[in-house]
N, C-alpha and C. Protein backbone atom coordinates (compact mmCIF):
# COMPACT_ATOMS: atom_id res chain seq x y z
N UNK A 1 171.24 43.76 -142.40
CA UNK A 1 172.51 42.93 -142.77
C UNK A 1 173.23 43.73 -141.75
N UNK A 2 174.17 42.62 -141.26
CA UNK A 2 175.03 42.90 -140.35
C UNK A 2 176.31 43.30 -140.59
N UNK A 3 176.97 44.36 -140.29
CA UNK A 3 178.10 44.90 -140.88
C UNK A 3 179.05 45.36 -139.53
N UNK A 4 180.12 44.61 -139.58
CA UNK A 4 180.99 44.61 -138.56
C UNK A 4 180.26 44.73 -136.96
N UNK A 5 179.39 43.58 -137.17
CA UNK A 5 178.58 43.35 -135.81
C UNK A 5 177.56 44.50 -135.43
N UNK A 6 177.49 45.51 -136.22
CA UNK A 6 176.25 46.66 -136.27
C UNK A 6 175.12 46.23 -136.75
N UNK A 7 173.93 46.24 -136.48
CA UNK A 7 172.99 45.99 -137.09
C UNK A 7 171.94 47.16 -137.84
N UNK A 8 171.94 46.83 -139.03
CA UNK A 8 171.35 48.07 -139.66
C UNK A 8 169.77 47.79 -140.05
N UNK A 9 169.26 48.95 -139.57
CA UNK A 9 167.83 49.47 -139.65
C UNK A 9 167.47 50.70 -139.73
N UNK A 10 166.38 50.96 -139.38
CA UNK A 10 165.69 52.63 -139.48
C UNK A 10 165.22 53.01 -140.94
N UNK A 11 164.16 53.49 -140.99
CA UNK A 11 163.32 53.41 -142.34
C UNK A 11 161.89 54.17 -142.04
N UNK A 12 161.61 54.55 -143.12
CA UNK A 12 160.18 54.98 -143.32
C UNK A 12 159.27 54.72 -144.51
N UNK A 13 158.33 53.91 -144.50
CA UNK A 13 157.57 53.31 -145.62
C UNK A 13 156.30 53.84 -145.69
N UNK A 14 155.84 53.84 -146.91
CA UNK A 14 154.27 54.49 -146.92
C UNK A 14 153.60 53.53 -147.99
N UNK A 15 152.17 53.07 -147.95
CA UNK A 15 151.51 52.62 -148.85
C UNK A 15 150.30 53.12 -148.93
N UNK A 16 149.53 53.44 -150.43
CA UNK A 16 148.59 54.22 -150.41
C UNK A 16 147.65 53.41 -151.37
N UNK A 17 146.17 53.18 -151.11
CA UNK A 17 145.37 52.53 -152.12
C UNK A 17 144.62 53.64 -152.89
N UNK A 18 144.84 53.64 -154.39
CA UNK A 18 144.45 54.41 -155.17
C UNK A 18 143.36 54.00 -156.31
N UNK A 19 142.54 54.79 -156.59
CA UNK A 19 141.32 54.02 -157.40
C UNK A 19 141.83 53.15 -158.84
N UNK A 20 143.43 53.42 -159.09
CA UNK A 20 143.72 52.56 -160.15
C UNK A 20 144.97 52.11 -160.17
N UNK A 21 145.25 51.93 -158.54
CA UNK A 21 146.60 51.20 -158.49
C UNK A 21 146.76 51.39 -156.71
N UNK A 22 148.03 50.49 -156.58
CA UNK A 22 148.60 50.61 -155.09
C UNK A 22 149.98 51.24 -155.24
N UNK A 23 150.25 52.49 -154.56
CA UNK A 23 151.58 53.34 -154.48
C UNK A 23 152.31 52.70 -153.24
N UNK A 24 153.48 52.26 -153.12
CA UNK A 24 154.55 51.99 -152.11
C UNK A 24 155.87 53.07 -152.22
N UNK A 25 156.12 53.62 -151.20
CA UNK A 25 157.35 54.47 -151.24
C UNK A 25 158.06 54.21 -150.05
N UNK A 26 159.47 54.51 -150.13
CA UNK A 26 160.15 54.46 -148.92
C UNK A 26 161.55 54.98 -149.18
N UNK A 27 162.02 55.68 -148.16
CA UNK A 27 163.23 56.25 -148.08
C UNK A 27 164.51 55.51 -148.35
N UNK A 28 165.58 55.58 -148.17
CA UNK A 28 167.16 54.84 -148.73
C UNK A 28 167.95 54.76 -147.55
N UNK A 29 167.65 55.38 -146.50
CA UNK A 29 168.90 55.07 -145.31
C UNK A 29 168.73 54.13 -144.41
N UNK A 30 169.79 53.28 -144.02
CA UNK A 30 169.86 52.45 -143.32
C UNK A 30 170.85 52.66 -141.92
N UNK A 31 170.42 52.58 -140.74
CA UNK A 31 171.39 53.13 -139.72
C UNK A 31 171.77 52.05 -138.69
N UNK A 32 172.62 52.05 -137.94
CA UNK A 32 173.16 51.59 -136.75
C UNK A 32 173.66 52.13 -135.70
N UNK A 33 172.90 53.26 -135.30
CA UNK A 33 173.23 54.37 -134.21
C UNK A 33 173.99 55.05 -135.10
N UNK A 34 174.58 55.02 -136.18
CA UNK A 34 174.61 56.19 -137.39
C UNK A 34 174.39 55.61 -138.52
N UNK A 35 174.47 56.41 -139.48
CA UNK A 35 174.28 56.32 -141.20
C UNK A 35 175.47 55.26 -141.75
N UNK A 36 174.99 54.04 -141.88
CA UNK A 36 175.71 53.05 -142.63
C UNK A 36 175.61 52.75 -144.03
N UNK A 37 174.51 53.00 -144.53
CA UNK A 37 174.12 53.24 -145.98
C UNK A 37 173.08 53.87 -146.25
N UNK A 38 173.32 54.77 -147.51
CA UNK A 38 172.68 55.66 -148.23
C UNK A 38 171.85 55.30 -149.24
N UNK A 39 171.89 54.10 -149.66
CA UNK A 39 171.46 54.10 -150.76
C UNK A 39 170.53 52.51 -150.96
N UNK A 40 170.19 52.23 -149.77
CA UNK A 40 169.60 51.04 -149.39
C UNK A 40 168.08 51.16 -149.87
N UNK A 41 167.67 49.83 -150.72
CA UNK A 41 166.68 49.33 -151.55
C UNK A 41 165.95 48.76 -150.69
N UNK A 42 164.55 49.50 -150.38
CA UNK A 42 163.63 49.05 -149.35
C UNK A 42 162.45 48.64 -149.89
N UNK A 43 162.25 48.88 -151.24
CA UNK A 43 161.04 48.29 -152.00
C UNK A 43 161.50 47.17 -152.91
N UNK A 44 161.08 45.98 -152.80
CA UNK A 44 161.56 44.75 -153.30
C UNK A 44 160.19 44.06 -154.13
N UNK A 45 160.67 43.75 -155.41
CA UNK A 45 159.57 43.00 -156.38
C UNK A 45 159.51 41.60 -156.11
N UNK A 46 158.39 41.13 -155.64
CA UNK A 46 158.35 39.73 -155.16
C UNK A 46 157.72 38.78 -156.52
N UNK A 47 156.63 39.29 -157.34
CA UNK A 47 156.51 38.91 -158.64
C UNK A 47 156.12 39.96 -159.66
N UNK A 48 155.72 39.73 -160.69
CA UNK A 48 155.74 40.84 -161.64
C UNK A 48 154.45 41.82 -161.21
N UNK A 49 153.51 41.25 -160.33
CA UNK A 49 152.28 41.97 -159.76
C UNK A 49 152.41 42.21 -158.53
N UNK A 50 153.55 42.15 -157.70
CA UNK A 50 153.39 42.16 -156.02
C UNK A 50 154.96 42.81 -155.85
N UNK A 51 154.89 43.68 -155.07
CA UNK A 51 155.96 44.27 -154.17
C UNK A 51 155.93 44.36 -152.80
N UNK A 52 157.02 44.40 -152.08
CA UNK A 52 157.00 44.75 -150.67
C UNK A 52 157.96 46.11 -150.16
N UNK A 53 157.58 46.75 -149.23
CA UNK A 53 158.70 47.54 -148.65
C UNK A 53 159.01 46.83 -146.99
N UNK A 54 160.25 47.33 -146.86
CA UNK A 54 160.73 46.53 -145.62
C UNK A 54 161.14 47.44 -144.46
N UNK A 55 160.70 47.49 -142.96
CA UNK A 55 161.41 48.14 -142.22
C UNK A 55 161.40 46.81 -141.02
N UNK A 56 162.83 47.25 -140.40
CA UNK A 56 163.41 46.59 -139.40
C UNK A 56 164.69 46.23 -139.80
N UNK A 57 164.83 45.17 -139.40
CA UNK A 57 166.43 44.33 -139.22
C UNK A 57 166.80 44.19 -140.68
N UNK A 58 167.60 44.86 -141.44
CA UNK A 58 167.88 44.43 -142.82
C UNK A 58 168.31 43.07 -143.36
N UNK A 59 168.99 42.48 -142.57
CA UNK A 59 169.69 40.86 -142.73
C UNK A 59 168.15 39.99 -142.96
N UNK A 60 167.51 40.05 -141.78
CA UNK A 60 166.45 39.44 -141.84
C UNK A 60 165.09 39.76 -142.78
N UNK A 61 164.93 40.78 -143.14
CA UNK A 61 164.09 41.25 -144.15
C UNK A 61 164.43 40.72 -145.41
N UNK A 62 166.02 40.98 -145.82
CA UNK A 62 166.44 40.66 -147.23
C UNK A 62 166.31 39.05 -147.21
N UNK A 63 166.41 38.45 -146.37
CA UNK A 63 166.31 37.03 -146.33
C UNK A 63 164.77 36.37 -146.26
N UNK A 64 163.90 37.26 -145.67
CA UNK A 64 162.66 37.02 -146.05
C UNK A 64 162.08 37.30 -147.51
N UNK A 65 162.78 38.46 -147.81
CA UNK A 65 162.26 38.65 -149.18
C UNK A 65 162.73 37.39 -150.08
N UNK A 66 163.62 37.20 -149.86
CA UNK A 66 164.15 35.73 -150.90
C UNK A 66 163.47 34.47 -150.66
N UNK A 67 163.26 34.19 -149.74
CA UNK A 67 162.29 32.76 -149.45
C UNK A 67 160.95 33.12 -150.04
N UNK A 68 160.31 34.52 -149.57
CA UNK A 68 159.10 34.36 -150.28
C UNK A 68 158.75 34.30 -151.76
N UNK A 69 159.97 35.07 -152.25
CA UNK A 69 160.20 35.13 -154.01
C UNK A 69 160.13 33.65 -154.33
N UNK A 70 161.04 32.68 -153.58
CA UNK A 70 161.07 31.35 -154.03
C UNK A 70 159.92 30.67 -153.76
N UNK A 71 159.31 30.79 -152.52
CA UNK A 71 158.21 30.14 -152.06
C UNK A 71 156.73 30.27 -153.01
N UNK A 72 156.65 31.65 -153.55
CA UNK A 72 155.63 31.69 -154.47
C UNK A 72 155.96 31.17 -155.78
N UNK A 73 157.29 31.35 -156.15
CA UNK A 73 157.32 30.59 -157.54
C UNK A 73 157.13 29.36 -157.62
N UNK A 74 157.62 28.36 -156.31
CA UNK A 74 157.15 27.33 -156.42
C UNK A 74 156.02 27.06 -156.16
N UNK A 75 155.23 27.35 -155.38
CA UNK A 75 153.64 27.48 -155.17
C UNK A 75 152.93 27.28 -156.60
N UNK A 76 153.29 28.50 -157.47
CA UNK A 76 152.59 28.95 -158.61
C UNK A 76 152.91 27.49 -159.53
N UNK A 77 154.37 27.17 -159.53
CA UNK A 77 154.56 25.79 -160.63
C UNK A 77 153.80 24.76 -160.06
N UNK A 78 153.54 24.48 -159.00
CA UNK A 78 152.95 23.35 -158.21
C UNK A 78 151.46 23.22 -158.30
N UNK A 79 150.93 24.45 -158.53
CA UNK A 79 149.49 24.47 -158.43
C UNK A 79 148.98 25.08 -159.90
N UNK A 80 149.89 25.24 -160.76
CA UNK A 80 149.76 25.48 -162.30
C UNK A 80 148.48 26.84 -162.36
N UNK A 81 149.04 27.65 -161.02
CA UNK A 81 147.90 29.16 -161.41
C UNK A 81 148.78 30.08 -160.47
N UNK A 82 148.42 31.40 -160.79
CA UNK A 82 149.02 32.30 -160.08
C UNK A 82 148.62 32.63 -158.56
N UNK A 83 149.24 32.97 -157.64
CA UNK A 83 148.76 32.83 -156.12
C UNK A 83 148.58 34.29 -156.30
N UNK A 84 147.32 34.77 -155.29
CA UNK A 84 146.69 35.99 -155.27
C UNK A 84 147.40 36.67 -154.10
N UNK A 85 147.22 38.20 -154.20
CA UNK A 85 147.62 38.95 -153.27
C UNK A 85 147.56 38.71 -151.78
N UNK A 86 146.39 38.20 -151.38
CA UNK A 86 145.97 37.77 -150.10
C UNK A 86 146.63 36.30 -149.79
N UNK A 87 147.00 35.43 -150.57
CA UNK A 87 147.72 34.03 -150.56
C UNK A 87 149.18 34.54 -150.05
N UNK A 88 149.80 35.66 -150.57
CA UNK A 88 151.24 35.59 -150.52
C UNK A 88 151.25 36.54 -149.21
N UNK A 89 150.31 37.36 -148.85
CA UNK A 89 150.31 38.37 -147.80
C UNK A 89 150.28 37.08 -146.43
N UNK A 90 149.52 36.12 -146.37
CA UNK A 90 149.24 35.10 -145.43
C UNK A 90 150.54 33.93 -145.33
N UNK A 91 151.24 34.08 -146.64
CA UNK A 91 152.46 32.99 -146.44
C UNK A 91 153.45 33.79 -145.85
N UNK A 92 153.67 35.41 -146.07
CA UNK A 92 154.43 36.13 -145.49
C UNK A 92 154.39 36.28 -144.33
N UNK A 93 153.41 36.52 -143.69
CA UNK A 93 153.04 36.51 -142.44
C UNK A 93 153.51 35.30 -141.43
N UNK A 94 153.17 34.14 -141.97
CA UNK A 94 153.74 32.89 -141.34
C UNK A 94 154.79 32.99 -141.11
N UNK A 95 155.72 33.40 -142.14
CA UNK A 95 157.37 33.51 -142.14
C UNK A 95 157.60 34.29 -140.96
N UNK A 96 157.17 35.59 -141.03
CA UNK A 96 157.14 36.73 -139.99
C UNK A 96 157.00 36.08 -138.63
N UNK A 97 156.06 35.59 -138.30
CA UNK A 97 155.44 34.72 -137.08
C UNK A 97 156.74 33.80 -136.88
N UNK A 98 157.17 32.95 -137.46
CA UNK A 98 158.26 31.90 -137.12
C UNK A 98 159.58 32.73 -136.80
N UNK A 99 159.79 34.04 -137.65
CA UNK A 99 160.94 34.47 -137.40
C UNK A 99 161.35 35.42 -136.29
N UNK A 100 160.10 36.07 -135.85
CA UNK A 100 160.17 36.43 -134.35
C UNK A 100 160.37 35.52 -133.62
N UNK A 101 159.86 34.53 -133.47
CA UNK A 101 159.88 33.59 -132.53
C UNK A 101 160.87 32.39 -132.53
N UNK A 102 161.87 32.55 -133.34
CA UNK A 102 162.92 31.59 -133.60
C UNK A 102 163.99 31.93 -132.67
N UNK A 103 164.43 31.03 -131.76
CA UNK A 103 165.85 31.10 -130.91
C UNK A 103 167.03 31.96 -131.55
N UNK A 104 167.22 33.19 -131.04
CA UNK A 104 168.28 33.67 -131.77
C UNK A 104 169.04 34.95 -130.60
N UNK A 105 170.04 34.98 -131.05
CA UNK A 105 171.06 36.03 -130.11
C UNK A 105 170.25 37.50 -130.46
N UNK A 106 169.73 37.68 -131.76
CA UNK A 106 169.41 39.06 -132.43
C UNK A 106 167.88 38.90 -132.77
N UNK A 107 166.57 39.34 -131.96
CA UNK A 107 165.84 39.10 -132.13
C UNK A 107 165.29 39.68 -134.10
N UNK A 108 164.58 38.82 -134.52
CA UNK A 108 164.19 39.22 -135.87
C UNK A 108 163.02 40.21 -135.94
N UNK A 109 163.23 41.48 -135.65
CA UNK A 109 162.09 42.45 -135.81
C UNK A 109 161.86 42.92 -137.18
N UNK A 110 161.21 42.62 -138.19
CA UNK A 110 160.90 42.92 -139.24
C UNK A 110 159.33 42.97 -139.60
N UNK A 111 158.90 44.14 -140.49
CA UNK A 111 157.68 44.17 -140.71
C UNK A 111 157.53 44.74 -142.37
N UNK A 112 156.63 44.44 -142.85
CA UNK A 112 156.44 44.75 -144.65
C UNK A 112 155.07 45.31 -144.78
N UNK A 113 155.02 45.93 -145.99
CA UNK A 113 154.05 46.40 -146.60
C UNK A 113 153.89 45.92 -148.00
N UNK A 114 152.77 45.18 -148.24
CA UNK A 114 152.80 44.10 -149.40
C UNK A 114 151.65 44.92 -150.45
N UNK A 115 152.12 45.16 -151.42
CA UNK A 115 151.14 45.77 -152.27
C UNK A 115 151.01 44.94 -153.57
N UNK A 116 150.04 44.60 -154.20
CA UNK A 116 149.71 43.98 -155.46
C UNK A 116 148.79 44.01 -156.17
N UNK A 117 148.34 43.37 -157.45
CA UNK A 117 147.26 43.19 -158.10
C UNK A 117 147.11 41.85 -158.73
N UNK A 118 145.94 41.48 -158.78
CA UNK A 118 145.57 40.12 -159.22
C UNK A 118 144.05 40.27 -159.83
N UNK A 119 143.34 38.92 -160.22
CA UNK A 119 142.29 39.10 -160.70
C UNK A 119 141.15 39.72 -159.93
N UNK A 120 140.97 39.81 -158.64
CA UNK A 120 140.26 40.51 -157.92
C UNK A 120 140.43 42.30 -157.71
N UNK A 121 141.46 42.55 -158.39
CA UNK A 121 141.80 44.20 -158.42
C UNK A 121 143.03 44.12 -157.52
N UNK A 122 143.47 45.26 -156.96
CA UNK A 122 144.54 45.76 -156.07
C UNK A 122 144.54 45.82 -154.83
N UNK A 123 145.80 45.40 -154.14
CA UNK A 123 145.41 45.17 -152.76
C UNK A 123 146.68 45.48 -151.89
N UNK A 124 146.32 46.13 -150.75
CA UNK A 124 147.49 46.47 -149.87
C UNK A 124 147.26 45.72 -148.43
N UNK A 125 148.51 45.15 -147.90
CA UNK A 125 148.47 44.69 -146.90
C UNK A 125 149.68 44.96 -145.75
N UNK A 126 149.14 45.37 -144.54
CA UNK A 126 150.22 45.80 -143.33
C UNK A 126 150.60 44.33 -142.90
N UNK A 127 151.62 43.99 -142.77
CA UNK A 127 152.23 42.63 -142.29
C UNK A 127 152.95 43.01 -141.07
N UNK A 128 152.63 42.73 -139.70
CA UNK A 128 153.29 43.20 -138.79
C UNK A 128 154.38 42.36 -138.37
N UNK A 129 155.34 42.79 -137.30
CA UNK A 129 156.49 42.04 -137.00
C UNK A 129 156.03 40.62 -136.31
N UNK A 130 154.66 40.52 -135.62
CA UNK A 130 154.55 39.45 -134.94
C UNK A 130 153.56 38.39 -135.85
N UNK A 131 153.60 38.56 -137.43
CA UNK A 131 152.83 37.79 -138.38
C UNK A 131 151.45 38.43 -138.52
N UNK A 132 151.28 39.40 -137.82
CA UNK A 132 149.79 40.07 -138.22
C UNK A 132 149.59 40.30 -139.63
N UNK A 133 148.31 40.04 -139.86
CA UNK A 133 147.81 40.77 -141.42
C UNK A 133 146.68 41.43 -141.32
N UNK A 134 146.96 42.70 -141.83
CA UNK A 134 145.58 43.57 -142.00
C UNK A 134 145.67 44.09 -143.70
N UNK A 135 144.45 44.18 -144.11
CA UNK A 135 144.09 44.54 -145.49
C UNK A 135 144.10 46.16 -145.22
N UNK A 136 144.55 47.05 -146.04
CA UNK A 136 144.46 48.51 -145.84
C UNK A 136 143.60 49.09 -146.91
N UNK A 137 142.79 49.50 -146.69
CA UNK A 137 141.88 50.10 -147.87
C UNK A 137 141.69 51.71 -147.85
N UNK A 138 142.82 52.23 -147.31
CA UNK A 138 143.07 53.82 -147.79
C UNK A 138 144.78 53.92 -147.54
N UNK A 139 145.53 54.20 -146.65
CA UNK A 139 146.91 54.20 -146.54
C UNK A 139 147.38 53.67 -145.24
N UNK A 140 148.70 53.50 -145.36
CA UNK A 140 149.56 52.87 -144.16
C UNK A 140 150.81 53.43 -144.21
N UNK A 141 151.65 53.73 -142.81
CA UNK A 141 153.12 53.91 -143.12
C UNK A 141 153.66 53.06 -142.10
N UNK A 142 154.87 52.91 -142.00
CA UNK A 142 155.51 51.95 -141.45
C UNK A 142 157.23 52.41 -140.75
N UNK A 143 157.58 51.87 -139.91
CA UNK A 143 159.05 52.52 -139.71
C UNK A 143 159.33 53.75 -138.73
N UNK A 144 160.59 53.89 -138.40
CA UNK A 144 160.69 55.09 -137.52
C UNK A 144 160.05 56.21 -137.52
N UNK A 145 160.03 56.55 -139.03
CA UNK A 145 159.33 57.80 -139.33
C UNK A 145 158.20 58.17 -139.58
N UNK A 146 157.20 56.94 -139.26
CA UNK A 146 156.05 56.69 -139.69
C UNK A 146 155.16 57.76 -139.29
N UNK A 147 155.30 58.21 -137.73
CA UNK A 147 154.36 59.02 -137.16
C UNK A 147 154.57 60.45 -137.93
N UNK A 148 155.45 60.57 -138.50
CA UNK A 148 155.54 62.18 -139.13
C UNK A 148 154.94 61.78 -140.84
N UNK A 149 155.06 60.73 -141.23
CA UNK A 149 154.62 60.69 -142.52
C UNK A 149 152.88 60.05 -142.34
N UNK A 150 152.35 59.48 -141.29
CA UNK A 150 150.98 59.29 -141.08
C UNK A 150 150.24 60.86 -140.80
N UNK A 151 151.07 61.91 -140.01
CA UNK A 151 150.48 63.20 -140.07
C UNK A 151 149.96 63.63 -141.25
N UNK A 152 150.88 63.56 -142.52
CA UNK A 152 150.48 64.08 -143.72
C UNK A 152 149.48 63.33 -144.31
N UNK A 153 149.42 61.99 -144.09
CA UNK A 153 148.61 61.19 -145.08
C UNK A 153 146.91 61.44 -144.46
N UNK A 154 147.16 61.35 -142.92
CA UNK A 154 145.90 61.76 -142.24
C UNK A 154 145.23 63.07 -142.81
N UNK A 155 146.10 64.10 -143.23
CA UNK A 155 145.75 65.28 -143.20
C UNK A 155 145.35 65.63 -145.11
N UNK A 156 145.80 64.86 -145.86
CA UNK A 156 145.99 65.00 -147.52
C UNK A 156 145.36 64.04 -148.03
N UNK A 157 145.26 62.60 -147.46
CA UNK A 157 144.49 61.32 -148.24
C UNK A 157 143.06 61.67 -148.47
N UNK A 158 142.71 61.26 -149.58
CA UNK A 158 141.23 60.96 -149.81
C UNK A 158 140.79 59.88 -150.68
N UNK A 159 140.01 59.50 -150.56
CA UNK A 159 139.50 58.37 -151.34
C UNK A 159 139.18 58.59 -152.83
N UNK A 160 139.73 57.70 -153.79
CA UNK A 160 139.56 58.14 -155.05
C UNK A 160 140.85 58.75 -155.79
N UNK A 161 141.88 58.78 -155.14
CA UNK A 161 142.96 59.20 -155.51
C UNK A 161 143.60 58.56 -156.82
N UNK A 162 144.32 59.31 -157.93
CA UNK A 162 144.64 58.79 -158.92
C UNK A 162 146.09 58.35 -158.28
N UNK A 163 146.83 57.57 -159.15
CA UNK A 163 148.24 56.99 -158.98
C UNK A 163 149.17 58.17 -159.15
N UNK A 164 148.86 59.27 -159.91
CA UNK A 164 149.33 60.62 -160.19
C UNK A 164 149.46 61.14 -158.93
N UNK A 165 148.01 61.35 -158.17
CA UNK A 165 148.01 62.11 -157.07
C UNK A 165 148.46 61.50 -155.78
N UNK A 166 148.51 60.01 -155.88
CA UNK A 166 148.98 59.26 -154.70
C UNK A 166 150.72 59.31 -154.92
N UNK A 167 151.30 59.63 -156.05
CA UNK A 167 152.43 59.55 -156.18
C UNK A 167 153.10 61.03 -155.26
N UNK A 168 152.71 62.12 -155.65
CA UNK A 168 152.83 63.33 -154.94
C UNK A 168 152.63 63.14 -153.29
N UNK A 169 151.58 62.42 -153.02
CA UNK A 169 151.36 62.29 -151.57
C UNK A 169 152.18 61.67 -150.77
N UNK A 170 152.59 60.57 -151.64
CA UNK A 170 153.57 59.70 -150.79
C UNK A 170 154.77 60.41 -150.68
N UNK A 171 155.34 61.15 -151.76
CA UNK A 171 156.51 61.82 -151.64
C UNK A 171 156.41 62.89 -150.57
N UNK A 172 155.31 63.54 -150.28
CA UNK A 172 155.26 64.55 -149.20
C UNK A 172 155.20 63.69 -148.07
N UNK A 173 154.87 62.76 -147.84
CA UNK A 173 154.62 61.95 -146.51
C UNK A 173 156.06 61.39 -146.04
N UNK A 174 156.71 60.81 -147.01
CA UNK A 174 158.18 60.52 -146.77
C UNK A 174 159.02 61.65 -146.52
N UNK A 175 158.86 62.83 -147.31
CA UNK A 175 159.69 64.13 -147.13
C UNK A 175 159.36 64.65 -145.71
N UNK A 176 158.55 64.38 -145.14
CA UNK A 176 158.08 64.95 -143.75
C UNK A 176 158.82 64.20 -142.79
N UNK A 177 158.85 62.88 -142.73
CA UNK A 177 160.08 61.91 -142.04
C UNK A 177 161.27 62.36 -142.15
N UNK A 178 161.77 62.63 -143.57
CA UNK A 178 163.23 62.90 -143.81
C UNK A 178 163.53 64.15 -143.18
N UNK A 179 162.86 65.08 -143.11
CA UNK A 179 163.07 66.22 -142.21
C UNK A 179 162.96 66.58 -140.71
N UNK A 180 162.45 65.27 -140.21
CA UNK A 180 162.30 65.09 -138.46
C UNK A 180 162.99 63.82 -138.01
N UNK A 181 162.94 62.92 -138.89
CA UNK A 181 163.48 61.62 -138.25
C UNK A 181 164.78 61.37 -138.67
N UNK A 182 165.75 61.02 -137.68
CA UNK A 182 167.41 61.02 -138.12
C UNK A 182 167.73 59.75 -138.51
N UNK A 183 166.62 58.54 -138.47
CA UNK A 183 166.82 57.30 -139.06
C UNK A 183 166.19 57.41 -140.48
N UNK A 184 165.55 58.46 -141.18
CA UNK A 184 165.25 58.37 -142.49
C UNK A 184 165.83 59.37 -143.33
N UNK A 185 166.13 59.16 -144.31
CA UNK A 185 167.15 59.93 -145.46
C UNK A 185 167.58 59.54 -146.39
N UNK A 186 168.04 60.31 -147.26
CA UNK A 186 168.98 59.93 -148.23
C UNK A 186 168.45 59.98 -149.40
N UNK A 187 166.95 59.50 -149.73
CA UNK A 187 166.53 59.40 -150.86
C UNK A 187 164.92 58.93 -150.81
N UNK A 188 164.16 58.97 -151.90
CA UNK A 188 163.06 58.37 -152.04
C UNK A 188 162.86 57.58 -153.30
N UNK A 189 162.15 56.55 -152.97
CA UNK A 189 161.70 55.49 -154.25
C UNK A 189 160.19 55.45 -154.15
N UNK A 190 159.65 55.54 -155.18
CA UNK A 190 158.03 55.37 -155.22
C UNK A 190 157.76 54.39 -156.41
N UNK A 191 156.96 53.40 -156.34
CA UNK A 191 156.63 52.67 -157.45
C UNK A 191 155.01 52.40 -157.39
N UNK A 192 154.68 52.22 -158.64
CA UNK A 192 153.21 52.05 -158.80
C UNK A 192 152.76 50.52 -159.11
N UNK A 193 151.84 49.94 -158.43
CA UNK A 193 151.49 48.44 -159.06
C UNK A 193 149.84 48.75 -159.20
N UNK A 194 149.76 47.99 -160.65
CA UNK A 194 148.44 47.99 -161.08
C UNK A 194 148.16 46.76 -162.33
N UNK A 195 146.98 46.64 -162.77
CA UNK A 195 147.06 45.59 -163.67
C UNK A 195 147.93 45.43 -164.63
N UNK A 196 148.88 46.36 -164.67
CA UNK A 196 149.98 46.40 -166.03
C UNK A 196 151.07 46.00 -165.84
N UNK A 197 151.59 45.58 -164.33
CA UNK A 197 152.66 45.50 -163.25
C UNK A 197 153.06 46.29 -162.50
N UNK A 198 154.51 46.33 -162.28
CA UNK A 198 154.96 47.46 -161.46
C UNK A 198 156.21 48.32 -162.26
N UNK A 199 155.74 49.54 -161.49
CA UNK A 199 156.52 50.61 -162.44
C UNK A 199 157.45 51.71 -161.45
N UNK A 200 158.59 52.00 -161.73
CA UNK A 200 159.26 53.20 -160.94
C UNK A 200 158.50 54.23 -161.09
N UNK A 201 157.93 55.45 -160.25
CA UNK A 201 157.38 56.59 -160.96
C UNK A 201 158.25 57.71 -160.55
N UNK A 202 158.81 57.63 -158.93
CA UNK A 202 159.85 58.51 -158.60
C UNK A 202 160.94 57.93 -157.98
N UNK A 203 162.13 58.40 -158.36
CA UNK A 203 163.38 58.14 -157.65
C UNK A 203 164.51 59.20 -157.83
N UNK A 204 164.75 59.48 -156.52
CA UNK A 204 165.42 60.63 -155.89
C UNK A 204 166.57 60.16 -155.11
N UNK A 205 167.71 60.42 -155.55
CA UNK A 205 169.07 60.52 -154.07
C UNK A 205 168.77 61.88 -153.63
N UNK A 206 169.13 62.23 -152.07
CA UNK A 206 169.05 63.40 -151.62
C UNK A 206 170.51 63.30 -150.93
N UNK A 207 171.20 63.69 -151.41
CA UNK A 207 172.57 63.92 -150.68
C UNK A 207 173.20 65.25 -150.68
N UNK A 208 172.97 66.00 -149.23
CA UNK A 208 173.49 67.20 -149.15
C UNK A 208 175.05 67.50 -149.38
N UNK A 209 175.94 68.14 -150.35
CA UNK A 209 177.22 68.13 -150.47
C UNK A 209 177.45 69.78 -150.33
N UNK A 210 178.53 70.09 -149.89
CA UNK A 210 178.99 71.50 -149.30
C UNK A 210 180.02 71.82 -150.07
N UNK A 211 180.05 72.68 -151.14
CA UNK A 211 180.99 73.31 -151.82
C UNK A 211 181.62 74.70 -151.17
N UNK A 212 183.08 74.43 -151.42
CA UNK A 212 183.74 75.79 -150.62
C UNK A 212 184.39 76.49 -151.89
């Protein structure tokens, strides 16, 4: 989002594949050389069974979220069936490909983690800024603080995690980035996606206050 010609960005997002669902987590800070928003929503529901985390230029990310929601709704109405997570990932990746390559004074640098559940199970995709699509079978992190989050995930992730265990691990991973990356901060959101839909399992604002 452009705010007085300042470009909002900066984030740390995490995706985990658990035996009983997908975990998506993100911090709450948006920056433009300084902190411009301390309550940015970085996890967005696409359908009742799919959601994305966003990293990069906020204005482009918000527009692409609106477009993919509308496209999937229209596609499902026209085909009289529910789009799979893979179909949605490929459609959103095509939008990312075109977004980066359009003529603009401001490059549309955006990436997403897409998690969802369908008739084939639950799935996690890493969608790169260039429109690349990578299906993830364990864990992934994106954004400016991802190097710190990945250190935690590399050390502690194990196959067969439950969503309860995955939630705790996701919080630890985002917390590591909160402590070390200046562009990450102000809180953590965590959701679970499974056959029952999408639900928030952890939500906390972290705003230090000094009392005299």
